[in-house]
Every structure is written in C-alpha cells, then in structure tokens.
Amino acid sequence: MNLVFGFLLLIFTFVNGQLDPSASDEPEFLPIGASQITPIRAVATFFNSSTFGFWTGTSQGTVSFFQANFPNQQPSIIDIHLLFPPADYQRKYEIEILFNGDANLRYCVDGVRLITLHKFVLRPKENFYYTSLKRYDVHVTHETESVIGRLLRIRCVNCKRRAEAMAGCAVIGRAQDEVYFDPESSINVSNDFQK
C-alpha cells in the first residue's frame, strides 16, 4: 500500500511541476529543462608503435562520429584528427569501415570493406591531418547499420614500405552521450540535479 501511495505522490508531483498553475481553462505544459536532442558519439582511437602495450598501425589519433537521435536519421558528423610519421614523398590514404569488429591483424589487412569513409593526401614532410565530414550514408544510431562495433581501417595506398601500408586499425566504440539543457527553462530543474 505504501508503494502505491508513493507512486501516486511521485506522479502528482511530476504533473504538478509540469503544469502552469496560472492557466485556468486548459492545462499548459512547460518544458522540463532537458531537450530531447541527444547526440550519440562513437570513437575509434589509434595508437602508434611508440605507445607501450598498443599497436594499431603507424597513425596516432582519433576518428569521432556524432549523430542526433532523431527518428528521421540525421546526418553523421565525422571529425578526423590523425598524426602520421613524416615521409619524403606524397602519400595517399583511405579510411574504410569494415563489416565487423574482428581486431586481429589478418582481418585488418584482408577484411571486407563496408564503406570508404574518406580519401586524403599528405604532401612530403606533412604528418598531421584534420578534417570534419558530414555523411548521410554513415549511421551511429541506426539499429542494424550502426558503425559502433565495426572496425575502422586506415590504409596507405602508395607507401613504399609494407609496414607503413597498414596505417591504422581500431574498433569503433560508443562514447559517453551528451545531454543539453535549454537555458531559458533551467529554472525547472532542481539544484540537486544540476550539481
């Protein structure tokens, strides 16, 4: 009986906090402070051979994916921050998403490509690459086509040494989600929640 009474009290408190007390004819709902737009984030992290205990290729950095959780499949924003060893010739790279997340060396080399995410060129003596992409065919929130749990591979197409051809191979994992608060309605959120 106490459980039912507590549940009814909780519902009454929630509804009472959401209704505008000044409205007499029809109840008007006020926003609770947190918007429904929550970007889902996924990250693939690359470590080069100088990082003890890790080796995923010659590149170092991250490839991050962001997508809002709208039902109409918004585009994904992809941020690429990669550092490569310098070379004295121009190198061509391809970033590919593979079908599954088997992170063994054989699959990194011979794995079947799901989609080519991006192609870029590094001029001689350059070693840093940064860009931001907007793609409609890459999904983070889709139930079956999500990139989370798949392998991300960076290949050097024209590298002279075989060891440099595999520039990176890492699993795309889900990162911490973000929740945004509407500034004008933040007064509806209790102080205990904001701490």
C-alpha atoms as a PDB file:
ATOM      1  CA  MET A   1       0.000   0.000   0.000  1.00  0.00           C
ATOM      2  CA  ASN A   2       2.892   2.363   0.813  1.00  0.00           C
ATOM      3  CA  LEU A   3       4.393   1.620  -2.611  1.00  0.00           C
ATOM      4  CA  VAL A   4       1.163   2.603  -4.397  1.00  0.00           C
ATOM      5  CA  PHE A   5       0.850   5.765  -2.284  1.00  0.00           C
ATOM      6  CA  GLY A   6       4.471   6.694  -3.048  1.00  0.00           C
ATOM      7  CA  PHE A   7       3.954   6.100  -6.764  1.00  0.00           C
ATOM      8  CA  LEU A   8       0.819   8.276  -6.834  1.00  0.00           C
ATOM      9  CA  LEU A   9       2.643  11.002  -4.916  1.00  0.00           C
ATOM     10  CA  LEU A  10       5.503  10.856  -7.427  1.00  0.00           C
ATOM     11  CA  ILE A  11       3.119  11.165 -10.391  1.00  0.00           C
ATOM     12  CA  PHE A  12       1.228  14.025  -8.729  1.00  0.00           C
ATOM     13  CA  THR A  13       4.489  15.873  -8.004  1.00  0.00           C
ATOM     14  CA  PHE A  14       5.720  15.389 -11.576  1.00  0.00           C
ATOM     15  CA  VAL A  15       2.446  16.545 -13.171  1.00  0.00           C
ATOM     16  CA  ASN A  16       2.141  19.425 -10.725  1.00  0.00           C
ATOM     17  CA  GLY A  17       5.634  20.610 -11.672  1.00  0.00           C
ATOM     18  CA  GLN A  18       4.832  20.391 -15.385  1.00  0.00           C
ATOM     19  CA  LEU A  19       1.520  22.257 -15.379  1.00  0.00           C
ATOM     20  CA  ASP A  20       1.282  26.016 -15.463  1.00  0.00           C
ATOM     21  CA  PRO A  21      -0.592  26.963 -12.248  1.00  0.00           C
ATOM     22  CA  SER A  22      -1.783  30.279 -13.731  1.00  0.00           C
ATOM     23  CA  ALA A  23      -3.746  28.592 -16.529  1.00  0.00           C
ATOM     24  CA  SER A  24      -7.357  28.084 -15.531  1.00  0.00           C
ATOM     25  CA  ASP A  25      -9.108  26.836 -18.681  1.00  0.00           C
ATOM     26  CA  GLU A  26      -6.735  24.336 -20.242  1.00  0.00           C
ATOM     27  CA  PRO A  27      -3.558  22.910 -18.749  1.00  0.00           C
ATOM     28  CA  GLU A  28      -0.398  24.112 -20.475  1.00  0.00           C
ATOM     29  CA  PHE A  29       2.753  22.013 -20.248  1.00  0.00           C
ATOM     30  CA  LEU A  30       6.049  23.723 -19.589  1.00  0.00           C
ATOM     31  CA  PRO A  31       9.420  22.344 -20.730  1.00  0.00           C
ATOM     32  CA  ILE A  32      11.304  20.420 -18.064  1.00  0.00           C
ATOM     33  CA  GLY A  33      14.719  21.808 -18.995  1.00  0.00           C
ATOM     34  CA  ALA A  34      16.350  18.931 -20.853  1.00  0.00           C
ATOM     35  CA  SER A  35      15.826  18.834 -24.594  1.00  0.00           C
ATOM     36  CA  GLN A  36      15.223  15.589 -26.438  1.00  0.00           C
ATOM     37  CA  ILE A  37      18.209  16.128 -28.762  1.00  0.00           C
ATOM     38  CA  THR A  38      20.993  13.894 -27.521  1.00  0.00           C
ATOM     39  CA  PRO A  39      23.920  13.333 -29.879  1.00  0.00           C
ATOM     40  CA  ILE A  40      25.213   9.786 -29.828  1.00  0.00           C
ATOM     41  CA  ARG A  41      29.009   9.666 -30.106  1.00  0.00           C
ATOM     42  CA  ALA A  42      31.335   6.901 -31.267  1.00  0.00           C
ATOM     43  CA  VAL A  43      35.148   6.994 -31.337  1.00  0.00           C
ATOM     44  CA  ALA A  44      37.947   4.942 -32.886  1.00  0.00           C
ATOM     45  CA  THR A  45      41.319   5.610 -31.225  1.00  0.00           C
ATOM     46  CA  PHE A  46      44.646   4.853 -32.902  1.00  0.00           C
ATOM     47  CA  PHE A  47      47.982   4.366 -31.113  1.00  0.00           C
ATOM     48  CA  ASN A  48      51.290   4.131 -32.945  1.00  0.00           C
ATOM     49  CA  SER A  49      54.154   1.814 -32.055  1.00  0.00           C
ATOM     50  CA  SER A  50      55.662   4.352 -29.635  1.00  0.00           C
ATOM     51  CA  THR A  51      52.779   3.780 -27.180  1.00  0.00           C
ATOM     52  CA  PHE A  52      53.731   0.882 -24.922  1.00  0.00           C
ATOM     53  CA  GLY A  53      51.275  -2.014 -24.966  1.00  0.00           C
ATOM     54  CA  PHE A  54      49.347  -0.825 -28.022  1.00  0.00           C
ATOM     55  CA  TRP A  55      49.983  -1.046 -31.722  1.00  0.00           C
ATOM     56  CA  THR A  56      47.259  -0.356 -34.241  1.00  0.00           C
ATOM     57  CA  GLY A  57      49.421   0.856 -37.119  1.00  0.00           C
ATOM     58  CA  THR A  58      51.637   3.842 -37.823  1.00  0.00           C
ATOM     59  CA  SER A  59      48.964   6.510 -37.240  1.00  0.00           C
ATOM     60  CA  GLN A  60      48.004   8.095 -33.952  1.00  0.00           C
ATOM     61  CA  GLY A  61      44.797   9.996 -33.152  1.00  0.00           C
ATOM     62  CA  THR A  62      41.019   9.650 -33.232  1.00  0.00           C
ATOM     63  CA  VAL A  63      38.110   9.423 -35.639  1.00  0.00           C
ATOM     64  CA  SER A  64      34.895  10.553 -33.913  1.00  0.00           C
ATOM     65  CA  PHE A  65      31.310  10.089 -35.092  1.00  0.00           C
ATOM     66  CA  PHE A  66      28.351  12.212 -33.903  1.00  0.00           C
ATOM     67  CA  GLN A  67      24.667  11.740 -34.774  1.00  0.00           C
ATOM     68  CA  ALA A  68      21.489  13.111 -33.175  1.00  0.00           C
ATOM     69  CA  ASN A  69      18.920  10.574 -32.051  1.00  0.00           C
ATOM     70  CA  PHE A  70      16.097  11.835 -34.275  1.00  0.00           C
ATOM     71  CA  PRO A  71      13.879   9.154 -35.857  1.00  0.00           C
ATOM     72  CA  ASN A  72      14.494  10.520 -39.378  1.00  0.00           C
ATOM     73  CA  GLN A  73      18.207   9.533 -39.392  1.00  0.00           C
ATOM     74  CA  GLN A  74      20.060  12.837 -39.310  1.00  0.00           C
ATOM     75  CA  PRO A  75      23.488  13.044 -40.999  1.00  0.00           C
ATOM     76  CA  SER A  76      26.550  11.926 -39.090  1.00  0.00           C
ATOM     77  CA  ILE A  77      29.325  14.411 -38.376  1.00  0.00           C
ATOM     78  CA  ILE A  78      32.770  12.809 -38.510  1.00  0.00           C
ATOM     79  CA  ASP A  79      35.844  14.509 -37.018  1.00  0.00           C
ATOM     80  CA  ILE A  80      39.228  13.128 -38.073  1.00  0.00           C
ATOM     81  CA  HIS A  81      42.419  14.008 -36.127  1.00  0.00           C
ATOM     82  CA  LEU A  82      45.378  11.881 -37.227  1.00  0.00           C
ATOM     83  CA  LEU A  83      49.145  12.109 -36.847  1.00  0.00           C
ATOM     84  CA  PHE A  84      51.438  10.117 -39.150  1.00  0.00           C
ATOM     85  CA  PRO A  85      55.208   9.626 -39.285  1.00  0.00           C
ATOM     86  CA  PRO A  86      56.826  12.072 -41.737  1.00  0.00           C
ATOM     87  CA  ALA A  87      57.950  10.896 -45.170  1.00  0.00           C
ATOM     88  CA  ASP A  88      59.830  12.451 -48.090  1.00  0.00           C
ATOM     89  CA  TYR A  89      57.168  11.587 -50.689  1.00  0.00           C
ATOM     90  CA  GLN A  90      53.455  12.223 -51.180  1.00  0.00           C
ATOM     91  CA  ARG A  91      51.208   9.598 -49.554  1.00  0.00           C
ATOM     92  CA  LYS A  92      47.592   8.691 -50.355  1.00  0.00           C
ATOM     93  CA  TYR A  93      45.393   7.351 -47.551  1.00  0.00           C
ATOM     94  CA  GLU A  94      41.953   5.750 -47.420  1.00  0.00           C
ATOM     95  CA  ILE A  95      39.804   5.450 -44.294  1.00  0.00           C
ATOM     96  CA  GLU A  96      37.446   2.463 -44.511  1.00  0.00           C
ATOM     97  CA  ILE A  97      34.777   0.941 -42.289  1.00  0.00           C
ATOM     98  CA  LEU A  98      34.874  -2.865 -42.314  1.00  0.00           C
ATOM     99  CA  PHE A  99      31.910  -5.211 -41.896  1.00  0.00           C
ATOM    100  CA  ASN A 100      32.627  -6.442 -38.378  1.00  0.00           C
ATOM    101  CA  GLY A 101      34.892  -5.772 -35.423  1.00  0.00           C
ATOM    102  CA  ASP A 102      37.388  -8.658 -35.512  1.00  0.00           C
ATOM    103  CA  ALA A 103      40.507  -6.805 -34.415  1.00  0.00           C
ATOM    104  CA  ASN A 104      43.102  -9.358 -35.488  1.00  0.00           C
ATOM    105  CA  LEU A 105      45.915  -8.491 -37.877  1.00  0.00           C
ATOM    106  CA  ARG A 106      44.707 -10.784 -40.651  1.00  0.00           C
ATOM    107  CA  TYR A 107      41.248  -9.173 -40.749  1.00  0.00           C
ATOM    108  CA  CYS A 108      42.788  -5.697 -40.584  1.00  0.00           C
ATOM    109  CA  VAL A 109      44.768  -6.454 -43.732  1.00  0.00           C
ATOM    110  CA  ASP A 110      42.253  -8.551 -45.701  1.00  0.00           C
ATOM    111  CA  GLY A 111      38.875  -7.549 -44.205  1.00  0.00           C
ATOM    112  CA  VAL A 112      35.965  -6.771 -46.497  1.00  0.00           C
ATOM    113  CA  ARG A 113      35.151  -3.070 -46.746  1.00  0.00           C
ATOM    114  CA  LEU A 114      31.637  -1.880 -45.884  1.00  0.00           C
ATOM    115  CA  ILE A 115      32.196   1.719 -46.964  1.00  0.00           C
ATOM    116  CA  THR A 116      35.083   4.008 -47.880  1.00  0.00           C
ATOM    117  CA  LEU A 117      34.709   6.869 -45.453  1.00  0.00           C
ATOM    118  CA  HIS A 118      37.320   9.311 -46.740  1.00  0.00           C
ATOM    119  CA  LYS A 119      40.379   9.628 -49.006  1.00  0.00           C
ATOM    120  CA  PHE A 120      43.124  12.183 -48.486  1.00  0.00           C
ATOM    121  CA  VAL A 121      46.697  13.028 -49.483  1.00  0.00           C
ATOM    122  CA  LEU A 122      49.636  14.062 -47.294  1.00  0.00           C
ATOM    123  CA  ARG A 123      52.353  16.058 -49.033  1.00  0.00           C
ATOM    124  CA  PRO A 124      56.041  15.400 -48.315  1.00  0.00           C
ATOM    125  CA  LYS A 125      57.122  16.299 -44.758  1.00  0.00           C
ATOM    126  CA  GLU A 126      53.471  16.671 -43.620  1.00  0.00           C
ATOM    127  CA  ASN A 127      52.446  14.483 -40.721  1.00  0.00           C
ATOM    128  CA  PHE A 128      49.139  15.873 -39.358  1.00  0.00           C
ATOM    129  CA  TYR A 129      45.692  15.598 -40.935  1.00  0.00           C
ATOM    130  CA  TYR A 130      42.441  17.105 -39.655  1.00  0.00           C
ATOM    131  CA  THR A 131      39.031  17.392 -41.286  1.00  0.00           C
ATOM    132  CA  SER A 132      35.340  17.283 -40.488  1.00  0.00           C
ATOM    133  CA  LEU A 133      32.828  15.461 -42.701  1.00  0.00           C
ATOM    134  CA  LYS A 134      29.051  15.305 -42.972  1.00  0.00           C
ATOM    135  CA  ARG A 135      27.772  11.952 -44.262  1.00  0.00           C
ATOM    136  CA  TYR A 136      24.214  10.716 -44.768  1.00  0.00           C
ATOM    137  CA  ASP A 137      25.247   7.115 -45.503  1.00  0.00           C
ATOM    138  CA  VAL A 138      27.108   6.557 -42.209  1.00  0.00           C
ATOM    139  CA  HIS A 139      24.932   5.857 -39.154  1.00  0.00           C
ATOM    140  CA  VAL A 140      25.648   5.846 -35.444  1.00  0.00           C
ATOM    141  CA  THR A 141      22.088   5.470 -34.127  1.00  0.00           C
ATOM    142  CA  HIS A 142      20.628   3.023 -36.679  1.00  0.00           C
ATOM    143  CA  GLU A 143      19.864  -0.407 -35.192  1.00  0.00           C
ATOM    144  CA  THR A 144      21.384  -2.544 -37.964  1.00  0.00           C
ATOM    145  CA  GLU A 145      23.652  -0.178 -39.916  1.00  0.00           C
ATOM    146  CA  SER A 146      25.451   1.447 -36.987  1.00  0.00           C
ATOM    147  CA  VAL A 147      29.227   1.831 -37.180  1.00  0.00           C
ATOM    148  CA  ILE A 148      29.545   1.034 -33.462  1.00  0.00           C
ATOM    149  CA  GLY A 149      31.340  -2.288 -33.023  1.00  0.00           C
ATOM    150  CA  ARG A 150      32.802  -2.293 -36.533  1.00  0.00           C
ATOM    151  CA  LEU A 151      36.469  -1.930 -37.448  1.00  0.00           C
ATOM    152  CA  LEU A 152      37.918   1.300 -38.862  1.00  0.00           C
ATOM    153  CA  ARG A 153      40.948   0.821 -41.110  1.00  0.00           C
ATOM    154  CA  ILE A 154      43.393   3.422 -42.429  1.00  0.00           C
ATOM    155  CA  ARG A 155      45.401   2.253 -45.431  1.00  0.00           C
ATOM    156  CA  CYS A 156      48.282   3.919 -47.223  1.00  0.00           C
ATOM    157  CA  VAL A 157      47.721   3.183 -50.905  1.00  0.00           C
ATOM    158  CA  ASN A 158      51.150   4.147 -52.253  1.00  0.00           C
ATOM    159  CA  CYS A 159      53.525   3.734 -49.289  1.00  0.00           C
ATOM    160  CA  LYS A 160      56.934   2.343 -50.223  1.00  0.00           C
ATOM    161  CA  ARG A 161      57.391   0.174 -47.132  1.00  0.00           C
ATOM    162  CA  ARG A 162      54.991  -2.659 -46.313  1.00  0.00           C
ATOM    163  CA  ALA A 163      54.979  -1.729 -42.607  1.00  0.00           C
ATOM    164  CA  GLU A 164      53.610   1.731 -43.484  1.00  0.00           C
ATOM    165  CA  ALA A 165      50.794   0.358 -45.658  1.00  0.00           C
ATOM    166  CA  MET A 166      48.684  -0.518 -42.596  1.00  0.00           C
ATOM    167  CA  ALA A 167      48.364   2.948 -41.095  1.00  0.00           C
ATOM    168  CA  GLY A 168      45.711   2.036 -38.552  1.00  0.00           C
ATOM    169  CA  CYS A 169      43.096  -0.459 -37.436  1.00  0.00           C
ATOM    170  CA  ALA A 170      40.773   0.134 -34.451  1.00  0.00           C
ATOM    171  CA  VAL A 171      37.313  -0.824 -33.223  1.00  0.00           C
ATOM    172  CA  ILE A 172      34.695   1.941 -33.226  1.00  0.00           C
ATOM    173  CA  GLY A 173      33.267   2.144 -29.712  1.00  0.00           C
ATOM    174  CA  ARG A 174      30.420   4.146 -28.237  1.00  0.00           C
ATOM    175  CA  ALA A 175      31.486   7.139 -26.189  1.00  0.00           C
ATOM    176  CA  GLN A 176      29.640   8.954 -23.419  1.00  0.00           C
ATOM    177  CA  ASP A 177      26.425  10.652 -24.554  1.00  0.00           C
ATOM    178  CA  GLU A 178      25.750  14.332 -24.015  1.00  0.00           C
ATOM    179  CA  VAL A 179      22.519  15.905 -22.764  1.00  0.00           C
ATOM    180  CA  TYR A 180      21.789  19.551 -23.497  1.00  0.00           C
ATOM    181  CA  PHE A 181      19.700  21.815 -21.262  1.00  0.00           C
ATOM    182  CA  ASP A 182      17.621  24.690 -22.586  1.00  0.00           C
ATOM    183  CA  PRO A 183      18.954  27.803 -20.806  1.00  0.00           C
ATOM    184  CA  GLU A 184      15.584  29.580 -20.554  1.00  0.00           C
ATOM    185  CA  SER A 185      13.926  26.652 -18.794  1.00  0.00           C
ATOM    186  CA  SER A 186      16.762  25.666 -16.469  1.00  0.00           C
ATOM    187  CA  ILE A 187      14.787  27.059 -13.510  1.00  0.00           C
ATOM    188  CA  ASN A 188      12.558  23.973 -13.694  1.00  0.00           C
ATOM    189  CA  VAL A 189      15.494  21.717 -12.825  1.00  0.00           C
ATOM    190  CA  SER A 190      16.221  21.331  -9.127  1.00  0.00           C
ATOM    191  CA  ASN A 191      19.592  22.373  -7.739  1.00  0.00           C
ATOM    192  CA  ASP A 192      20.373  18.815  -6.654  1.00  0.00           C
ATOM    193  CA  PHE A 193      20.139  17.621 -10.258  1.00  0.00           C
ATOM    194  CA  GLN A 194      22.476  20.312 -11.620  1.00  0.00           C
ATOM    195  CA  LYS A 195      25.315  19.511  -9.192  1.00  0.00           C
END
